Amino acid sequence: MALAQFFTTFDKRRTVVLEAISDKIGTVLALIASLNEQSTANTTIENAQLRKNAWKNAEKNSTGQSTCMDGDPIRTEKC
């Protein structure tokens, strides 16, 4: 009888520990998913800004205006 009670108690403890671990893993996975979504959103915004800047530069090229941007680290001449 004592042996059966020992294993029953052991199983209950193991179940509680496994449930706690499962909850923590679920929380970590949710955080990772959230970070991935935020990263994707940031990348989309950055890509949209790059496309917008490219169109602005193309428009300047077609009108004959200067195409260098203020603070451009590659170009050394003044705009």
PDB file of N, CA and C in Angstrom:
ATOM      1  N   MET A   1       0.821  -1.202   0.000  1.00  0.00           N
ATOM      2  CA  MET A   1       0.000   0.000   0.000  1.00  0.00           C
ATOM      3  C   MET A   1       0.861   1.261   0.000  1.00  0.00           C
ATOM      4  N   ALA A   2       1.903   1.250   0.799  1.00  0.00           N
ATOM      5  CA  ALA A   2       2.781   2.414   0.873  1.00  0.00           C
ATOM      6  C   ALA A   2       3.471   2.654  -0.458  1.00  0.00           C
ATOM      7  N   LEU A   3       3.820   1.578  -1.132  1.00  0.00           N
ATOM      8  CA  LEU A   3       4.484   1.705  -2.427  1.00  0.00           C
ATOM      9  C   LEU A   3       3.538   2.325  -3.465  1.00  0.00           C
ATOM     10  N   ALA A   4       2.287   1.919  -3.458  1.00  0.00           N
ATOM     11  CA  ALA A   4       1.300   2.489  -4.378  1.00  0.00           C
ATOM     12  C   ALA A   4       1.087   3.972  -4.092  1.00  0.00           C
ATOM     13  N   GLN A   5       1.058   4.335  -2.823  1.00  0.00           N
ATOM     14  CA  GLN A   5       0.886   5.745  -2.444  1.00  0.00           C
ATOM     15  C   GLN A   5       2.100   6.562  -2.879  1.00  0.00           C
ATOM     16  N   PHE A   6       3.296   5.973  -2.743  1.00  0.00           N
ATOM     17  CA  PHE A   6       4.517   6.656  -3.163  1.00  0.00           C
ATOM     18  C   PHE A   6       4.455   6.984  -4.654  1.00  0.00           C
ATOM     19  N   PHE A   7       4.092   5.988  -5.465  1.00  0.00           N
ATOM     20  CA  PHE A   7       4.047   6.210  -6.906  1.00  0.00           C
ATOM     21  C   PHE A   7       2.933   7.178  -7.306  1.00  0.00           C
ATOM     22  N   THR A   8       1.818   7.150  -6.608  1.00  0.00           N
ATOM     23  CA  THR A   8       0.736   8.094  -6.879  1.00  0.00           C
ATOM     24  C   THR A   8       1.188   9.518  -6.584  1.00  0.00           C
ATOM     25  N   THR A   9       1.847   9.717  -5.453  1.00  0.00           N
ATOM     26  CA  THR A   9       2.369  11.039  -5.091  1.00  0.00           C
ATOM     27  C   THR A   9       3.432  11.483  -6.090  1.00  0.00           C
ATOM     28  N   PHE A  10       4.309  10.557  -6.472  1.00  0.00           N
ATOM     29  CA  PHE A  10       5.362  10.858  -7.435  1.00  0.00           C
ATOM     30  C   PHE A  10       4.752  11.282  -8.774  1.00  0.00           C
ATOM     31  N   ASP A  11       3.730  10.563  -9.232  1.00  0.00           N
ATOM     32  CA  ASP A  11       3.069  10.901 -10.496  1.00  0.00           C
ATOM     33  C   ASP A  11       2.412  12.276 -10.435  1.00  0.00           C
ATOM     34  N   LYS A  12       1.803  12.598  -9.310  1.00  0.00           N
ATOM     35  CA  LYS A  12       1.170  13.915  -9.157  1.00  0.00           C
ATOM     36  C   LYS A  12       2.213  15.024  -9.209  1.00  0.00           C
ATOM     37  N   ARG A  13       3.331  14.823  -8.515  1.00  0.00           N
ATOM     38  CA  ARG A  13       4.399  15.839  -8.542  1.00  0.00           C
ATOM     39  C   ARG A  13       4.954  15.994  -9.951  1.00  0.00           C
ATOM     40  N   ARG A  14       5.186  14.862 -10.604  1.00  0.00           N
ATOM     41  CA  ARG A  14       5.721  14.908 -11.965  1.00  0.00           C
ATOM     42  C   ARG A  14       4.749  15.642 -12.891  1.00  0.00           C
ATOM     43  N   THR A  15       3.470  15.396 -12.737  1.00  0.00           N
ATOM     44  CA  THR A  15       2.464  16.066 -13.561  1.00  0.00           C
ATOM     45  C   THR A  15       2.483  17.573 -13.330  1.00  0.00           C
ATOM     46  N   VAL A  16       2.589  17.991 -12.083  1.00  0.00           N
ATOM     47  CA  VAL A  16       2.637  19.421 -11.762  1.00  0.00           C
ATOM     48  C   VAL A  16       3.873  20.062 -12.382  1.00  0.00           C
ATOM     49  N   VAL A  17       5.011  19.388 -12.274  1.00  0.00           N
ATOM     50  CA  VAL A  17       6.256  19.925 -12.844  1.00  0.00           C
ATOM     51  C   VAL A  17       6.147  20.013 -14.360  1.00  0.00           C
ATOM     52  N   LEU A  18       5.641  18.973 -14.987  1.00  0.00           N
ATOM     53  CA  LEU A  18       5.511  18.988 -16.443  1.00  0.00           C
ATOM     54  C   LEU A  18       4.543  20.068 -16.920  1.00  0.00           C
ATOM     55  N   GLU A  19       3.470  20.284 -16.186  1.00  0.00           N
ATOM     56  CA  GLU A  19       2.533  21.352 -16.550  1.00  0.00           C
ATOM     57  C   GLU A  19       3.188  22.725 -16.417  1.00  0.00           C
ATOM     58  N   ALA A  20       3.988  22.907 -15.374  1.00  0.00           N
ATOM     59  CA  ALA A  20       4.682  24.189 -15.195  1.00  0.00           C
ATOM     60  C   ALA A  20       5.677  24.422 -16.328  1.00  0.00           C
ATOM     61  N   ILE A  21       6.409  23.378 -16.687  1.00  0.00           N
ATOM     62  CA  ILE A  21       7.371  23.499 -17.790  1.00  0.00           C
ATOM     63  C   ILE A  21       6.634  23.801 -19.091  1.00  0.00           C
ATOM     64  N   SER A  22       5.538  23.128 -19.310  1.00  0.00           N
ATOM     65  CA  SER A  22       4.749  23.345 -20.522  1.00  0.00           C
ATOM     66  C   SER A  22       4.245  24.788 -20.601  1.00  0.00           C
ATOM     67  N   ASP A  23       3.795  25.325 -19.475  1.00  0.00           N
ATOM     68  CA  ASP A  23       3.341  26.721 -19.449  1.00  0.00           C
ATOM     69  C   ASP A  23       4.476  27.676 -19.797  1.00  0.00           C
ATOM     70  N   LYS A  24       5.666  27.408 -19.239  1.00  0.00           N
ATOM     71  CA  LYS A  24       6.819  28.280 -19.522  1.00  0.00           C
ATOM     72  C   LYS A  24       7.203  28.199 -20.993  1.00  0.00           C
ATOM     73  N   ILE A  25       7.201  26.997 -21.544  1.00  0.00           N
ATOM     74  CA  ILE A  25       7.536  26.839 -22.961  1.00  0.00           C
ATOM     75  C   ILE A  25       6.516  27.577 -23.826  1.00  0.00           C
ATOM     76  N   GLY A  26       5.248  27.470 -23.467  1.00  0.00           N
ATOM     77  CA  GLY A  26       4.212  28.186 -24.210  1.00  0.00           C
ATOM     78  C   GLY A  26       4.419  29.689 -24.168  1.00  0.00           C
ATOM     79  N   THR A  27       4.825  30.203 -23.005  1.00  0.00           N
ATOM     80  CA  THR A  27       5.082  31.637 -22.864  1.00  0.00           C
ATOM     81  C   THR A  27       6.260  32.067 -23.731  1.00  0.00           C
ATOM     82  N   VAL A  28       7.329  31.276 -23.716  1.00  0.00           N
ATOM     83  CA  VAL A  28       8.512  31.597 -24.521  1.00  0.00           C
ATOM     84  C   VAL A  28       8.162  31.573 -26.007  1.00  0.00           C
ATOM     85  N   LEU A  29       7.414  30.567 -26.433  1.00  0.00           N
ATOM     86  CA  LEU A  29       7.028  30.490 -27.843  1.00  0.00           C
ATOM     87  C   LEU A  29       6.148  31.666 -28.252  1.00  0.00           C
ATOM     88  N   ALA A  30       5.268  32.097 -27.366  1.00  0.00           N
ATOM     89  CA  ALA A  30       4.428  33.261 -27.659  1.00  0.00           C
ATOM     90  C   ALA A  30       5.276  34.525 -27.788  1.00  0.00           C
ATOM     91  N   LEU A  31       6.278  34.672 -26.921  1.00  0.00           N
ATOM     92  CA  LEU A  31       7.169  35.835 -27.006  1.00  0.00           C
ATOM     93  C   LEU A  31       7.964  35.822 -28.306  1.00  0.00           C
ATOM     94  N   ILE A  32       8.450  34.652 -28.689  1.00  0.00           N
ATOM     95  CA  ILE A  32       9.207  34.547 -29.936  1.00  0.00           C
ATOM     96  C   ILE A  32       8.321  34.908 -31.124  1.00  0.00           C
ATOM     97  N   ALA A  33       7.099  34.410 -31.128  1.00  0.00           N
ATOM     98  CA  ALA A  33       6.171  34.733 -32.218  1.00  0.00           C
ATOM     99  C   ALA A  33       5.900  36.232 -32.271  1.00  0.00           C
ATOM    100  N   SER A  34       5.746  36.852 -31.107  1.00  0.00           N
ATOM    101  CA  SER A  34       5.501  38.291 -31.046  1.00  0.00           C
ATOM    102  C   SER A  34       6.695  39.074 -31.590  1.00  0.00           C
ATOM    103  N   LEU A  35       7.898  38.660 -31.208  1.00  0.00           N
ATOM    104  CA  LEU A  35       9.102  39.334 -31.706  1.00  0.00           C
ATOM    105  C   LEU A  35       9.244  39.162 -33.210  1.00  0.00           C
ATOM    106  N   ASN A  36       8.923  37.980 -33.720  1.00  0.00           N
ATOM    107  CA  ASN A  36       8.989  37.755 -35.163  1.00  0.00           C
ATOM    108  C   ASN A  36       8.009  38.653 -35.903  1.00  0.00           C
ATOM    109  N   GLU A  37       6.804  38.804 -35.362  1.00  0.00           N
ATOM    110  CA  GLU A  37       5.814  39.681 -35.991  1.00  0.00           C
ATOM    111  C   GLU A  37       6.295  41.127 -35.989  1.00  0.00           C
ATOM    112  N   GLN A  38       6.873  41.568 -34.874  1.00  0.00           N
ATOM    113  CA  GLN A  38       7.370  42.943 -34.781  1.00  0.00           C
ATOM    114  C   GLN A  38       8.523  43.157 -35.747  1.00  0.00           C
ATOM    115  N   SER A  39       9.415  42.173 -35.842  1.00  0.00           N
ATOM    116  CA  SER A  39      10.543  42.275 -36.759  1.00  0.00           C
ATOM    117  C   SER A  39      10.059  42.361 -38.200  1.00  0.00           C
ATOM    118  N   THR A  40       9.073  41.557 -38.544  1.00  0.00           N
ATOM    119  CA  THR A  40       8.507  41.596 -39.892  1.00  0.00           C
ATOM    120  C   THR A  40       7.880  42.954 -40.168  1.00  0.00           C
ATOM    121  N   ALA A  41       7.170  43.488 -39.189  1.00  0.00           N
ATOM    122  CA  ALA A  41       6.544  44.806 -39.359  1.00  0.00           C
ATOM    123  C   ALA A  41       7.608  45.875 -39.560  1.00  0.00           C
ATOM    124  N   ASN A  42       8.678  45.825 -38.774  1.00  0.00           N
ATOM    125  CA  ASN A  42       9.754  46.812 -38.912  1.00  0.00           C
ATOM    126  C   ASN A  42      10.419  46.698 -40.272  1.00  0.00           C
ATOM    127  N   THR A  43      10.651  45.484 -40.732  1.00  0.00           N
ATOM    128  CA  THR A  43      11.274  45.277 -42.036  1.00  0.00           C
ATOM    129  C   THR A  43      10.386  45.819 -43.141  1.00  0.00           C
ATOM    130  N   THR A  44       9.094  45.603 -43.029  1.00  0.00           N
ATOM    131  CA  THR A  44       8.155  46.100 -44.034  1.00  0.00           C
ATOM    132  C   THR A  44       8.188  47.621 -44.086  1.00  0.00           C
ATOM    133  N   ILE A  45       8.218  48.263 -42.930  1.00  0.00           N
ATOM    134  CA  ILE A  45       8.281  49.726 -42.875  1.00  0.00           C
ATOM    135  C   ILE A  45       9.586  50.218 -43.490  1.00  0.00           C
ATOM    136  N   GLU A  46      10.710  49.564 -43.148  1.00  0.00           N
ATOM    137  CA  GLU A  46      11.998  49.974 -43.695  1.00  0.00           C
ATOM    138  C   GLU A  46      12.017  49.806 -45.211  1.00  0.00           C
ATOM    139  N   ASN A  47      11.486  48.697 -45.717  1.00  0.00           N
ATOM    140  CA  ASN A  47      11.447  48.479 -47.162  1.00  0.00           C
ATOM    141  C   ASN A  47      10.577  49.518 -47.851  1.00  0.00           C
ATOM    142  N   ALA A  48       9.461  49.862 -47.237  1.00  0.00           N
ATOM    143  CA  ALA A  48       8.586  50.884 -47.817  1.00  0.00           C
ATOM    144  C   ALA A  48       9.305  52.226 -47.867  1.00  0.00           C
ATOM    145  N   GLN A  49      10.048  52.558 -46.829  1.00  0.00           N
ATOM    146  CA  GLN A  49      10.789  53.819 -46.801  1.00  0.00           C
ATOM    147  C   GLN A  49      11.883  53.817 -47.868  1.00  0.00           C
ATOM    148  N   LEU A  50      12.560  52.683 -48.045  1.00  0.00           N
ATOM    149  CA  LEU A  50      13.590  52.593 -49.080  1.00  0.00           C
ATOM    150  C   LEU A  50      12.991  52.776 -50.473  1.00  0.00           C
ATOM    151  N   ARG A  51      11.834  52.152 -50.714  1.00  0.00           N
ATOM    152  CA  ARG A  51      11.176  52.328 -52.017  1.00  0.00           C
ATOM    153  C   ARG A  51      10.767  53.785 -52.228  1.00  0.00           C
ATOM    154  N   LYS A  52      10.269  54.412 -51.176  1.00  0.00           N
ATOM    155  CA  LYS A  52       9.860  55.815 -51.261  1.00  0.00           C
ATOM    156  C   LYS A  52      11.068  56.695 -51.600  1.00  0.00           C
ATOM    157  N   ASN A  53      12.193  56.445 -50.930  1.00  0.00           N
ATOM    158  CA  ASN A  53      13.407  57.220 -51.209  1.00  0.00           C
ATOM    159  C   ASN A  53      13.900  56.974 -52.627  1.00  0.00           C
ATOM    160  N   ALA A  54      13.803  55.735 -53.097  1.00  0.00           N
ATOM    161  CA  ALA A  54      14.244  55.424 -54.460  1.00  0.00           C
ATOM    162  C   ALA A  54      13.400  56.181 -55.480  1.00  0.00           C
ATOM    163  N   TRP A  55      12.080  56.242 -55.252  1.00  0.00           N
ATOM    164  CA  TRP A  55      11.214  56.992 -56.166  1.00  0.00           C
ATOM    165  C   TRP A  55      11.550  58.475 -56.143  1.00  0.00           C
ATOM    166  N   LYS A  56      11.827  59.012 -54.956  1.00  0.00           N
ATOM    167  CA  LYS A  56      12.194  60.431 -54.866  1.00  0.00           C
ATOM    168  C   LYS A  56      13.467  60.696 -55.657  1.00  0.00           C
ATOM    169  N   ASN A  57      14.454  59.806 -55.512  1.00  0.00           N
ATOM    170  CA  ASN A  57      15.712  59.990 -56.233  1.00  0.00           C
ATOM    171  C   ASN A  57      15.513  59.854 -57.735  1.00  0.00           C
ATOM    172  N   ALA A  58      14.657  58.933 -58.146  1.00  0.00           N
ATOM    173  CA  ALA A  58      14.379  58.773 -59.577  1.00  0.00           C
ATOM    174  C   ALA A  58      13.699  60.018 -60.127  1.00  0.00           C
ATOM    175  N   GLU A  59      12.790  60.599 -59.351  1.00  0.00           N
ATOM    176  CA  GLU A  59      12.119  61.825 -59.787  1.00  0.00           C
ATOM    177  C   GLU A  59      13.126  62.964 -59.906  1.00  0.00           C
ATOM    178  N   LYS A  60      14.057  63.055 -58.962  1.00  0.00           N
ATOM    179  CA  LYS A  60      15.070  64.105 -59.033  1.00  0.00           C
ATOM    180  C   LYS A  60      15.950  63.908 -60.254  1.00  0.00           C
ATOM    181  N   ASN A  61      16.285  62.659 -60.570  1.00  0.00           N
ATOM    182  CA  ASN A  61      17.095  62.387 -61.755  1.00  0.00           C
ATOM    183  C   ASN A  61      16.382  62.834 -63.019  1.00  0.00           C
ATOM    184  N   SER A  62      15.091  62.599 -63.098  1.00  0.00           N
ATOM    185  CA  SER A  62      14.352  62.944 -64.313  1.00  0.00           C
ATOM    186  C   SER A  62      14.178  64.452 -64.460  1.00  0.00           C
ATOM    187  N   THR A  63      14.236  65.203 -63.363  1.00  0.00           N
ATOM    188  CA  THR A  63      14.087  66.656 -63.444  1.00  0.00           C
ATOM    189  C   THR A  63      15.431  67.367 -63.514  1.00  0.00           C
ATOM    190  N   GLY A  64      16.521  66.602 -63.451  1.00  0.00           N
ATOM    191  CA  GLY A  64      17.843  67.198 -63.544  1.00  0.00           C
ATOM    192  C   GLY A  64      18.356  67.778 -62.250  1.00  0.00           C
ATOM    193  N   GLN A  65      17.664  67.554 -61.154  1.00  0.00           N
ATOM    194  CA  GLN A  65      18.125  68.067 -59.870  1.00  0.00           C
ATOM    195  C   GLN A  65      19.173  67.128 -59.273  1.00  0.00           C
ATOM    196  N   SER A  66      19.835  67.623 -58.268  1.00  0.00           N
ATOM    197  CA  SER A  66      20.851  66.833 -57.584  1.00  0.00           C
ATOM    198  C   SER A  66      20.222  65.604 -56.943  1.00  0.00           C
ATOM    199  N   THR A  67      20.944  64.492 -56.984  1.00  0.00           N
ATOM    200  CA  THR A  67      20.421  63.256 -56.400  1.00  0.00           C
ATOM    201  C   THR A  67      21.104  62.891 -55.093  1.00  0.00           C
ATOM    202  N   CYS A  68      22.103  63.642 -54.653  1.00  0.00           N
ATOM    203  CA  CYS A  68      22.742  63.267 -53.392  1.00  0.00           C
ATOM    204  C   CYS A  68      21.891  63.748 -52.225  1.00  0.00           C
ATOM    205  N   MET A  69      21.927  62.950 -51.155  1.00  0.00           N
ATOM    206  CA  MET A  69      21.108  63.270 -49.992  1.00  0.00           C
ATOM    207  C   MET A  69      22.001  63.844 -48.899  1.00  0.00           C
ATOM    208  N   ASP A  70      21.443  64.722 -48.094  1.00  0.00           N
ATOM    209  CA  ASP A  70      22.196  65.251 -46.965  1.00  0.00           C
ATOM    210  C   ASP A  70      22.593  64.107 -46.047  1.00  0.00           C
ATOM    211  N   GLY A  71      23.824  64.132 -45.601  1.00  0.00           N
ATOM    212  CA  GLY A  71      24.288  63.111 -44.674  1.00  0.00           C
ATOM    213  C   GLY A  71      24.613  61.790 -45.339  1.00  0.00           C
ATOM    214  N   ASP A  72      24.739  61.771 -46.659  1.00  0.00           N
ATOM    215  CA  ASP A  72      25.084  60.534 -47.357  1.00  0.00           C
ATOM    216  C   ASP A  72      26.539  60.211 -47.053  1.00  0.00           C
ATOM    217  N   PRO A  73      26.824  59.091 -46.386  1.00  0.00           N
ATOM    218  CA  PRO A  73      28.201  58.797 -45.982  1.00  0.00           C
ATOM    219  C   PRO A  73      29.105  58.431 -47.148  1.00  0.00           C
ATOM    220  N   ILE A  74      28.541  58.068 -48.297  1.00  0.00           N
ATOM    221  CA  ILE A  74      29.364  57.651 -49.428  1.00  0.00           C
ATOM    222  C   ILE A  74      29.854  58.857 -50.219  1.00  0.00           C
ATOM    223  N   ARG A  75      29.003  59.825 -50.399  1.00  0.00           N
ATOM    224  CA  ARG A  75      29.368  61.007 -51.181  1.00  0.00           C
ATOM    225  C   ARG A  75      30.073  62.029 -50.290  1.00  0.00           C
ATOM    226  N   THR A  76      31.045  62.685 -50.862  1.00  0.00           N
ATOM    227  CA  THR A  76      31.779  63.683 -50.086  1.00  0.00           C
ATOM    228  C   THR A  76      31.477  65.100 -50.547  1.00  0.00           C
ATOM    229  N   GLU A  77      30.909  65.248 -51.750  1.00  0.00           N
ATOM    230  CA  GLU A  77      30.635  66.594 -52.234  1.00  0.00           C
ATOM    231  C   GLU A  77      29.372  67.143 -51.589  1.00  0.00           C
ATOM    232  N   LYS A  78      29.238  68.433 -51.626  1.00  0.00           N
ATOM    233  CA  LYS A  78      28.054  69.096 -51.076  1.00  0.00           C
ATOM    234  C   LYS A  78      26.919  69.014 -52.083  1.00  0.00           C
ATOM    235  N   CYS A  79      25.713  68.907 -51.569  1.00  0.00           N
ATOM    236  CA  CYS A  79      24.540  68.869 -52.450  1.00  0.00           C
ATOM    237  C   CYS A  79      24.166  70.274 -52.854  1.00  0.00           C
TER     238      CYS A  79
END
